[in-house]
Amino acid sequence: QVHLVESGGGLVQSGGSLRLSCAASGSIFSINTMGWYRQAPGKERELVATITSDRSTNYADSVKGRFTISRDNAKKTIYLQMNSLKPEDTAVYYCNADVWSVVGYSNYWGQGTQVTVSS
């Protein structure tokens, strides 16, 4: 069984910063692409940023220049440094990963962590 556990969410004022973490655990052989997605109330889940095993990154236009995704392969962990936060960044942030494990190759989601940006 594979688990993704997010942490680091919270309440912050507009212009502030937060750092999210997502740690993968379980009987994992390797992890390919990992990423962050978010879902605001009444909206569909959307891509925030992804990072491959060789650290190639991709960002949504709305967060480019403000958010940075990074990865520690030894710890099976990714991070999302969020700077210059805006009220429109308020959402539940979900971690996602493509994982090779004892049960095969599959895509996994974390339980989500709430980020609230006050104006």
Protein backbone atom coordinates (compact mmCIF):
# COMPACT_ATOMS: atom_id res chain seq x y z
CA GLN A 1 0.00 0.00 0.00
CA VAL A 2 1.21 3.49 -0.87
CA HIS A 3 0.35 6.60 1.10
CA LEU A 4 0.90 10.28 0.35
CA VAL A 5 0.74 12.59 3.35
CA GLU A 6 0.64 16.36 2.92
CA SER A 7 1.50 18.92 5.56
CA GLY A 8 2.18 22.63 5.87
CA GLY A 9 -1.16 24.17 5.03
CA GLY A 10 -2.72 26.92 7.08
CA LEU A 11 -3.99 30.47 7.19
CA VAL A 12 -1.80 33.28 5.87
CA GLN A 13 -2.31 36.89 4.91
CA SER A 14 -2.15 38.08 1.32
CA GLY A 15 1.47 38.49 0.28
CA GLY A 16 2.66 35.88 2.74
CA SER A 17 4.35 32.53 2.24
CA LEU A 18 3.74 28.88 3.04
CA ARG A 19 5.67 25.69 2.35
CA LEU A 20 3.81 22.46 1.69
CA SER A 21 5.36 19.02 1.99
CA CYS A 22 4.21 15.65 0.69
CA ALA A 23 5.87 12.44 1.80
CA ALA A 24 5.29 9.10 0.11
CA SER A 25 5.47 5.88 2.10
CA GLY A 26 4.88 2.18 1.54
CA SER A 27 6.45 -0.61 -0.45
CA ILE A 28 7.73 1.69 -3.18
CA PHE A 29 10.23 0.75 -5.87
CA SER A 30 10.35 4.12 -7.60
CA ILE A 31 8.35 7.30 -8.11
CA ASN A 32 8.05 9.01 -11.47
CA THR A 33 6.19 12.31 -11.70
CA MET A 34 4.93 13.96 -8.51
CA GLY A 35 2.86 17.06 -8.33
CA TRP A 36 0.52 19.45 -6.58
CA TYR A 37 -3.07 20.12 -7.54
CA ARG A 38 -5.64 22.33 -5.88
CA GLN A 39 -9.39 22.58 -5.65
CA ALA A 40 -11.23 25.70 -4.57
CA PRO A 41 -14.87 25.58 -3.41
CA GLY A 42 -17.20 25.17 -6.36
CA LYS A 43 -14.35 24.68 -8.81
CA GLU A 44 -12.69 21.72 -10.48
CA ARG A 45 -9.36 20.38 -9.32
CA GLU A 46 -6.52 22.03 -11.26
CA LEU A 47 -2.83 21.49 -11.81
CA VAL A 48 -0.48 23.69 -9.77
CA ALA A 49 2.95 22.19 -10.49
CA THR A 50 4.62 18.91 -11.33
CA ILE A 51 8.16 17.58 -11.08
CA THR A 52 9.65 14.49 -12.71
CA SER A 53 12.18 12.11 -11.21
CA ASP A 54 14.96 14.03 -12.97
CA ARG A 55 13.52 17.29 -11.59
CA SER A 56 11.98 18.72 -14.74
CA THR A 57 9.21 21.06 -13.63
CA ASN A 58 5.95 22.38 -15.00
CA TYR A 59 3.78 25.15 -13.54
CA ALA A 60 0.34 26.56 -14.05
CA ASP A 61 0.51 30.06 -15.50
CA SER A 62 -1.28 31.43 -12.45
CA VAL A 63 1.57 30.44 -10.10
CA LYS A 64 4.65 30.93 -12.29
CA GLY A 65 7.20 33.15 -10.58
CA ARG A 66 5.51 32.77 -7.18
CA PHE A 67 5.55 29.02 -6.46
CA THR A 68 8.50 26.63 -6.58
CA ILE A 69 8.23 22.85 -6.58
CA SER A 70 11.18 20.77 -5.44
CA ARG A 71 11.93 17.16 -4.66
CA ASP A 72 14.06 15.00 -2.38
CA ASN A 73 14.17 11.56 -3.98
CA ALA A 74 15.93 9.96 -1.01
CA LYS A 75 13.10 11.06 1.28
CA LYS A 76 10.39 10.38 -1.33
CA THR A 77 9.16 13.90 -0.61
CA ILE A 78 8.16 16.91 -2.63
CA TYR A 79 7.75 20.48 -1.51
CA LEU A 80 5.84 23.49 -2.73
CA GLN A 81 7.21 26.86 -1.68
CA MET A 82 4.43 29.38 -2.13
CA ASN A 83 5.35 33.07 -2.03
CA SER A 84 3.35 36.24 -2.69
CA LEU A 85 0.16 34.36 -1.89
CA LYS A 86 -3.13 35.79 -3.10
CA PRO A 87 -6.71 35.19 -1.88
CA GLU A 88 -7.37 33.32 -5.13
CA ASP A 89 -4.76 30.74 -4.07
CA THR A 90 -7.17 29.61 -1.35
CA ALA A 91 -7.95 25.93 -1.92
CA VAL A 92 -7.35 22.41 -0.73
CA TYR A 93 -3.96 21.38 -2.08
CA TYR A 94 -3.50 17.74 -3.05
CA CYS A 95 -0.32 15.78 -3.67
CA ASN A 96 -0.21 13.33 -6.56
CA ALA A 97 2.33 10.72 -7.60
CA ASP A 98 2.93 8.03 -10.21
CA VAL A 99 4.41 5.13 -8.25
CA TRP A 100 5.94 1.75 -8.96
CA SER A 101 5.24 -0.42 -5.92
CA VAL A 102 4.72 -4.05 -4.98
CA VAL A 103 1.18 -3.81 -6.38
CA GLY A 104 2.33 -2.44 -9.74
CA TYR A 105 2.29 0.98 -11.40
CA SER A 106 -0.46 3.33 -10.23
CA ASN A 107 -1.39 6.92 -9.54
CA TYR A 108 -2.02 8.06 -5.98
CA TRP A 109 -3.53 11.08 -4.25
CA GLY A 110 -2.99 12.47 -0.79
CA GLN A 111 -5.81 13.52 1.50
CA GLY A 112 -5.26 17.23 0.92
CA THR A 113 -4.22 20.18 3.04
CA GLN A 114 -6.15 23.44 3.33
CA VAL A 115 -4.50 26.71 2.33
CA THR A 116 -6.41 29.87 3.16
CA VAL A 117 -5.17 33.32 2.12
CA SER A 118 -6.91 36.26 3.72
CA SER A 119 -7.10 39.66 2.04
